[in-house]
């Protein structure tokens, strides 16, 4: 299925909505650019965020997106728990992360 990663972090309570808005811009740019070869989801539980990224080749298209660069610029200031990125293996999926 490709390279799979989970990124977890917690924002300051007053920064969670701003963070969600920035994530929304990333999804809007992805929809417009349609880079192909990737699956991406973001989940939110209060102030905690989990991003699930699966891309089929060695080049993750996210860093090339202007909205993602904007999102990354202020992440340290928005967080109380810094993002932790883990490479994971997809064991199974039901109507999620697959075509």
N, C-alpha and C. Protein backbone atom coordinates (compact mmCIF):
# COMPACT_ATOMS: atom_id res chain seq x y z
N UNK A 1 0.83 -1.20 0.00
CA UNK A 1 0.00 0.00 0.00
C UNK A 1 0.86 1.25 0.00
N UNK A 2 2.15 1.16 0.19
CA UNK A 2 3.01 2.34 0.16
C UNK A 2 3.54 2.69 1.52
N UNK A 3 3.97 3.93 1.66
CA UNK A 3 4.51 4.44 2.91
C UNK A 3 3.36 4.99 3.75
N UNK A 4 3.29 4.58 5.00
CA UNK A 4 2.19 5.01 5.87
C UNK A 4 2.77 5.62 7.15
N UNK A 5 2.17 6.74 7.56
CA UNK A 5 2.63 7.46 8.74
C UNK A 5 1.43 7.93 9.55
N UNK A 6 1.64 8.03 10.84
CA UNK A 6 0.69 8.66 11.74
C UNK A 6 1.44 9.77 12.45
N UNK A 7 0.82 10.95 12.50
CA UNK A 7 1.39 12.09 13.21
C UNK A 7 0.38 12.49 14.28
N UNK A 8 0.85 12.54 15.52
CA UNK A 8 -0.01 12.89 16.65
C UNK A 8 0.54 14.12 17.36
N UNK A 9 -0.38 14.98 17.83
CA UNK A 9 0.04 16.14 18.62
C UNK A 9 -1.17 16.72 19.32
N UNK A 10 -0.92 17.62 20.28
CA UNK A 10 -2.00 18.31 20.98
C UNK A 10 -1.72 19.80 20.92
N UNK A 11 -2.73 20.54 20.55
CA UNK A 11 -2.61 21.99 20.47
C UNK A 11 -3.02 22.64 21.79
N UNK A 12 -2.67 23.91 21.92
CA UNK A 12 -3.22 24.69 23.03
C UNK A 12 -4.73 24.76 22.81
N UNK A 13 -5.52 24.78 23.87
CA UNK A 13 -6.97 24.85 23.69
C UNK A 13 -7.42 26.02 22.81
N UNK A 14 -6.76 27.18 22.97
CA UNK A 14 -7.15 28.35 22.20
C UNK A 14 -6.64 28.31 20.75
N UNK A 15 -5.86 27.30 20.40
CA UNK A 15 -5.31 27.20 19.04
C UNK A 15 -5.92 26.05 18.24
N UNK A 16 -6.79 25.26 18.86
CA UNK A 16 -7.35 24.09 18.17
C UNK A 16 -8.18 24.47 16.95
N UNK A 17 -9.01 25.49 17.07
CA UNK A 17 -9.85 25.91 15.93
C UNK A 17 -8.99 26.46 14.79
N UNK A 18 -7.97 27.26 15.14
CA UNK A 18 -7.06 27.78 14.12
C UNK A 18 -6.37 26.62 13.41
N UNK A 19 -5.92 25.63 14.18
CA UNK A 19 -5.24 24.48 13.60
C UNK A 19 -6.18 23.74 12.65
N UNK A 20 -7.41 23.54 13.08
CA UNK A 20 -8.39 22.86 12.23
C UNK A 20 -8.60 23.64 10.93
N UNK A 21 -8.68 24.95 11.02
CA UNK A 21 -8.84 25.76 9.82
C UNK A 21 -7.67 25.62 8.86
N UNK A 22 -6.46 25.58 9.40
CA UNK A 22 -5.27 25.41 8.56
C UNK A 22 -5.25 24.03 7.91
N UNK A 23 -5.66 23.02 8.66
CA UNK A 23 -5.76 21.67 8.10
C UNK A 23 -6.80 21.66 6.97
N UNK A 24 -7.90 22.35 7.17
CA UNK A 24 -8.93 22.43 6.13
C UNK A 24 -8.39 23.02 4.84
N UNK A 25 -7.51 24.00 4.96
CA UNK A 25 -6.90 24.60 3.76
C UNK A 25 -6.01 23.60 3.04
N UNK A 26 -5.34 22.74 3.80
CA UNK A 26 -4.51 21.70 3.18
C UNK A 26 -5.41 20.76 2.36
N UNK A 27 -6.53 20.35 2.95
CA UNK A 27 -7.44 19.46 2.23
C UNK A 27 -8.02 20.14 0.98
N UNK A 28 -8.32 21.42 1.08
CA UNK A 28 -8.84 22.15 -0.09
C UNK A 28 -7.80 22.20 -1.20
N UNK A 29 -6.54 22.46 -0.84
CA UNK A 29 -5.50 22.50 -1.87
C UNK A 29 -5.25 21.11 -2.46
N UNK A 30 -5.31 20.08 -1.62
CA UNK A 30 -5.17 18.72 -2.13
C UNK A 30 -6.28 18.40 -3.14
N UNK A 31 -7.50 18.79 -2.81
CA UNK A 31 -8.62 18.54 -3.72
C UNK A 31 -8.43 19.25 -5.04
N UNK A 32 -7.91 20.47 -5.00
CA UNK A 32 -7.70 21.24 -6.22
C UNK A 32 -6.52 20.71 -7.03
N UNK A 33 -5.44 20.35 -6.35
CA UNK A 33 -4.22 19.91 -7.04
C UNK A 33 -4.30 18.45 -7.46
N UNK A 34 -5.03 17.66 -6.70
CA UNK A 34 -5.17 16.22 -6.96
C UNK A 34 -3.84 15.57 -7.33
N UNK A 35 -2.88 15.54 -6.37
CA UNK A 35 -1.55 15.01 -6.68
C UNK A 35 -1.53 13.51 -6.96
N UNK A 36 -2.57 12.81 -6.60
CA UNK A 36 -2.62 11.38 -6.84
C UNK A 36 -1.63 10.62 -5.97
N UNK A 37 -1.82 9.33 -5.88
CA UNK A 37 -0.88 8.48 -5.18
C UNK A 37 -0.84 8.63 -3.68
N UNK A 38 -1.85 9.28 -3.11
CA UNK A 38 -1.82 9.42 -1.65
C UNK A 38 -3.23 9.36 -1.07
N UNK A 39 -3.25 9.01 0.18
CA UNK A 39 -4.47 9.04 0.99
C UNK A 39 -4.10 9.81 2.25
N UNK A 40 -5.05 10.61 2.73
CA UNK A 40 -4.74 11.48 3.87
C UNK A 40 -6.02 11.71 4.65
N UNK A 41 -5.92 11.59 5.95
CA UNK A 41 -7.06 11.86 6.83
C UNK A 41 -6.54 12.55 8.08
N UNK A 42 -7.36 13.42 8.64
CA UNK A 42 -7.05 14.06 9.91
C UNK A 42 -8.23 13.84 10.84
N UNK A 43 -7.93 13.44 12.05
CA UNK A 43 -8.95 13.22 13.07
C UNK A 43 -8.68 14.16 14.23
N UNK A 44 -9.75 14.62 14.85
CA UNK A 44 -9.61 15.53 15.99
C UNK A 44 -10.42 15.01 17.17
N UNK A 45 -9.80 15.06 18.35
CA UNK A 45 -10.47 14.74 19.60
C UNK A 45 -10.14 15.87 20.57
N UNK A 46 -11.01 16.86 20.64
CA UNK A 46 -10.74 18.02 21.48
C UNK A 46 -9.57 18.81 20.93
N UNK A 47 -8.48 18.86 21.70
CA UNK A 47 -7.28 19.59 21.29
C UNK A 47 -6.25 18.67 20.64
N UNK A 48 -6.54 17.38 20.56
CA UNK A 48 -5.60 16.41 20.00
C UNK A 48 -5.94 16.13 18.54
N UNK A 49 -4.90 16.02 17.73
CA UNK A 49 -5.05 15.76 16.30
C UNK A 49 -4.22 14.54 15.93
N UNK A 50 -4.76 13.76 15.01
CA UNK A 50 -4.06 12.62 14.44
C UNK A 50 -4.18 12.73 12.93
N UNK A 51 -3.05 12.71 12.26
CA UNK A 51 -3.02 12.73 10.80
C UNK A 51 -2.56 11.36 10.34
N UNK A 52 -3.27 10.80 9.37
CA UNK A 52 -2.91 9.52 8.77
C UNK A 52 -2.56 9.79 7.32
N UNK A 53 -1.34 9.46 6.95
CA UNK A 53 -0.84 9.75 5.60
C UNK A 53 -0.34 8.45 4.98
N UNK A 54 -0.84 8.14 3.80
CA UNK A 54 -0.35 7.00 3.04
C UNK A 54 -0.05 7.50 1.64
N UNK A 55 1.20 7.32 1.21
CA UNK A 55 1.52 7.69 -0.17
C UNK A 55 2.23 6.54 -0.85
N UNK A 56 1.96 6.39 -2.13
CA UNK A 56 2.38 5.22 -2.87
C UNK A 56 3.81 5.27 -3.37
N UNK A 57 4.41 6.43 -3.41
CA UNK A 57 5.79 6.50 -3.88
C UNK A 57 6.65 7.17 -2.82
N UNK A 58 7.90 7.32 -3.10
CA UNK A 58 8.82 7.88 -2.10
C UNK A 58 8.68 9.37 -1.90
N UNK A 59 7.92 10.04 -2.75
CA UNK A 59 7.77 11.49 -2.65
C UNK A 59 6.40 11.84 -2.08
N UNK A 60 6.38 12.28 -0.85
CA UNK A 60 5.16 12.74 -0.22
C UNK A 60 4.82 14.11 -0.82
N UNK A 61 3.65 14.28 -1.43
CA UNK A 61 3.31 15.56 -2.06
C UNK A 61 2.97 16.68 -1.07
N UNK A 62 2.70 16.37 0.18
CA UNK A 62 2.29 17.40 1.13
C UNK A 62 3.28 18.56 1.27
N UNK A 63 4.58 18.31 1.44
CA UNK A 63 5.50 19.44 1.65
C UNK A 63 5.54 20.44 0.49
N UNK A 64 5.10 20.05 -0.68
CA UNK A 64 5.10 20.97 -1.82
C UNK A 64 3.88 21.89 -1.86
N UNK A 65 2.89 21.63 -1.03
CA UNK A 65 1.66 22.44 -1.02
C UNK A 65 1.84 23.71 -0.20
N UNK A 66 1.42 24.84 -0.76
CA UNK A 66 1.52 26.13 -0.04
C UNK A 66 0.74 26.09 1.27
N UNK A 67 -0.45 25.47 1.26
CA UNK A 67 -1.27 25.40 2.48
C UNK A 67 -0.59 24.56 3.56
N UNK A 68 0.09 23.51 3.15
CA UNK A 68 0.81 22.68 4.12
C UNK A 68 2.00 23.44 4.70
N UNK A 69 2.68 24.20 3.87
CA UNK A 69 3.79 25.01 4.35
C UNK A 69 3.30 26.05 5.36
N UNK A 70 2.13 26.64 5.09
CA UNK A 70 1.54 27.60 6.03
C UNK A 70 1.18 26.90 7.34
N UNK A 71 0.59 25.71 7.24
CA UNK A 71 0.24 24.92 8.41
C UNK A 71 1.48 24.62 9.26
N UNK A 72 2.57 24.23 8.61
CA UNK A 72 3.81 23.88 9.31
C UNK A 72 4.46 25.07 9.98
N UNK A 73 4.33 26.25 9.38
CA UNK A 73 5.03 27.45 9.87
C UNK A 73 4.77 27.73 11.35
N UNK A 74 3.56 27.61 11.81
CA UNK A 74 3.25 27.97 13.19
C UNK A 74 2.92 26.80 14.09
N UNK A 75 3.23 25.59 13.66
CA UNK A 75 2.81 24.42 14.44
C UNK A 75 3.40 24.40 15.84
N UNK A 76 4.66 24.79 15.99
CA UNK A 76 5.30 24.75 17.32
C UNK A 76 4.59 25.69 18.30
N UNK A 77 4.17 26.85 17.82
CA UNK A 77 3.49 27.81 18.69
C UNK A 77 2.08 27.36 19.05
N UNK A 78 1.45 26.57 18.19
CA UNK A 78 0.08 26.11 18.46
C UNK A 78 0.04 24.90 19.39
N UNK A 79 1.16 24.20 19.52
CA UNK A 79 1.16 22.92 20.23
C UNK A 79 1.62 23.00 21.67
N UNK A 80 1.03 22.15 22.50
CA UNK A 80 1.54 21.90 23.85
C UNK A 80 2.22 20.55 23.89
N UNK A 81 1.91 19.68 22.93
CA UNK A 81 2.63 18.42 22.74
C UNK A 81 3.04 18.41 21.27
N UNK A 82 4.34 18.44 21.04
CA UNK A 82 4.87 18.52 19.68
C UNK A 82 4.46 17.32 18.83
N UNK A 83 4.35 17.52 17.53
CA UNK A 83 4.01 16.41 16.64
C UNK A 83 5.02 15.27 16.73
N UNK A 84 4.49 14.06 16.84
CA UNK A 84 5.30 12.85 16.81
C UNK A 84 4.89 12.06 15.59
N UNK A 85 5.86 11.77 14.74
CA UNK A 85 5.60 11.05 13.50
C UNK A 85 6.09 9.62 13.64
N UNK A 86 5.22 8.67 13.31
CA UNK A 86 5.57 7.25 13.37
C UNK A 86 5.28 6.61 12.03
N UNK A 87 6.23 5.84 11.53
CA UNK A 87 5.96 5.04 10.35
C UNK A 87 5.19 3.81 10.81
N UNK A 88 4.12 3.49 10.12
CA UNK A 88 3.25 2.39 10.52
C UNK A 88 3.01 1.46 9.34
N UNK A 89 2.50 0.29 9.64
CA UNK A 89 2.09 -0.67 8.62
C UNK A 89 0.58 -0.77 8.65
N UNK A 90 -0.04 -0.77 7.50
CA UNK A 90 -1.48 -0.96 7.42
C UNK A 90 -1.74 -2.45 7.50
N UNK A 91 -2.42 -2.86 8.55
CA UNK A 91 -2.73 -4.27 8.77
C UNK A 91 -4.03 -4.63 8.07
N UNK A 92 -4.97 -3.71 8.07
CA UNK A 92 -6.24 -3.91 7.41
C UNK A 92 -7.00 -2.60 7.39
N UNK A 93 -7.94 -2.51 6.49
CA UNK A 93 -8.78 -1.32 6.39
C UNK A 93 -10.11 -1.71 5.81
N UNK A 94 -11.15 -1.09 6.28
CA UNK A 94 -12.47 -1.30 5.73
C UNK A 94 -12.99 0.05 5.26
N UNK A 95 -13.03 0.22 3.97
CA UNK A 95 -13.51 1.46 3.35
C UNK A 95 -12.77 2.70 3.85
N UNK A 96 -11.53 2.51 4.21
CA UNK A 96 -10.73 3.62 4.68
C UNK A 96 -9.32 3.40 4.18
N UNK A 97 -8.73 4.45 3.65
CA UNK A 97 -7.36 4.41 3.15
C UNK A 97 -7.19 3.51 1.94
N UNK A 98 -8.26 3.05 1.37
CA UNK A 98 -8.17 2.25 0.13
C UNK A 98 -9.11 2.83 -0.90
N UNK A 99 -8.86 2.56 -2.15
CA UNK A 99 -9.65 3.12 -3.25
C UNK A 99 -11.03 2.65 -3.36
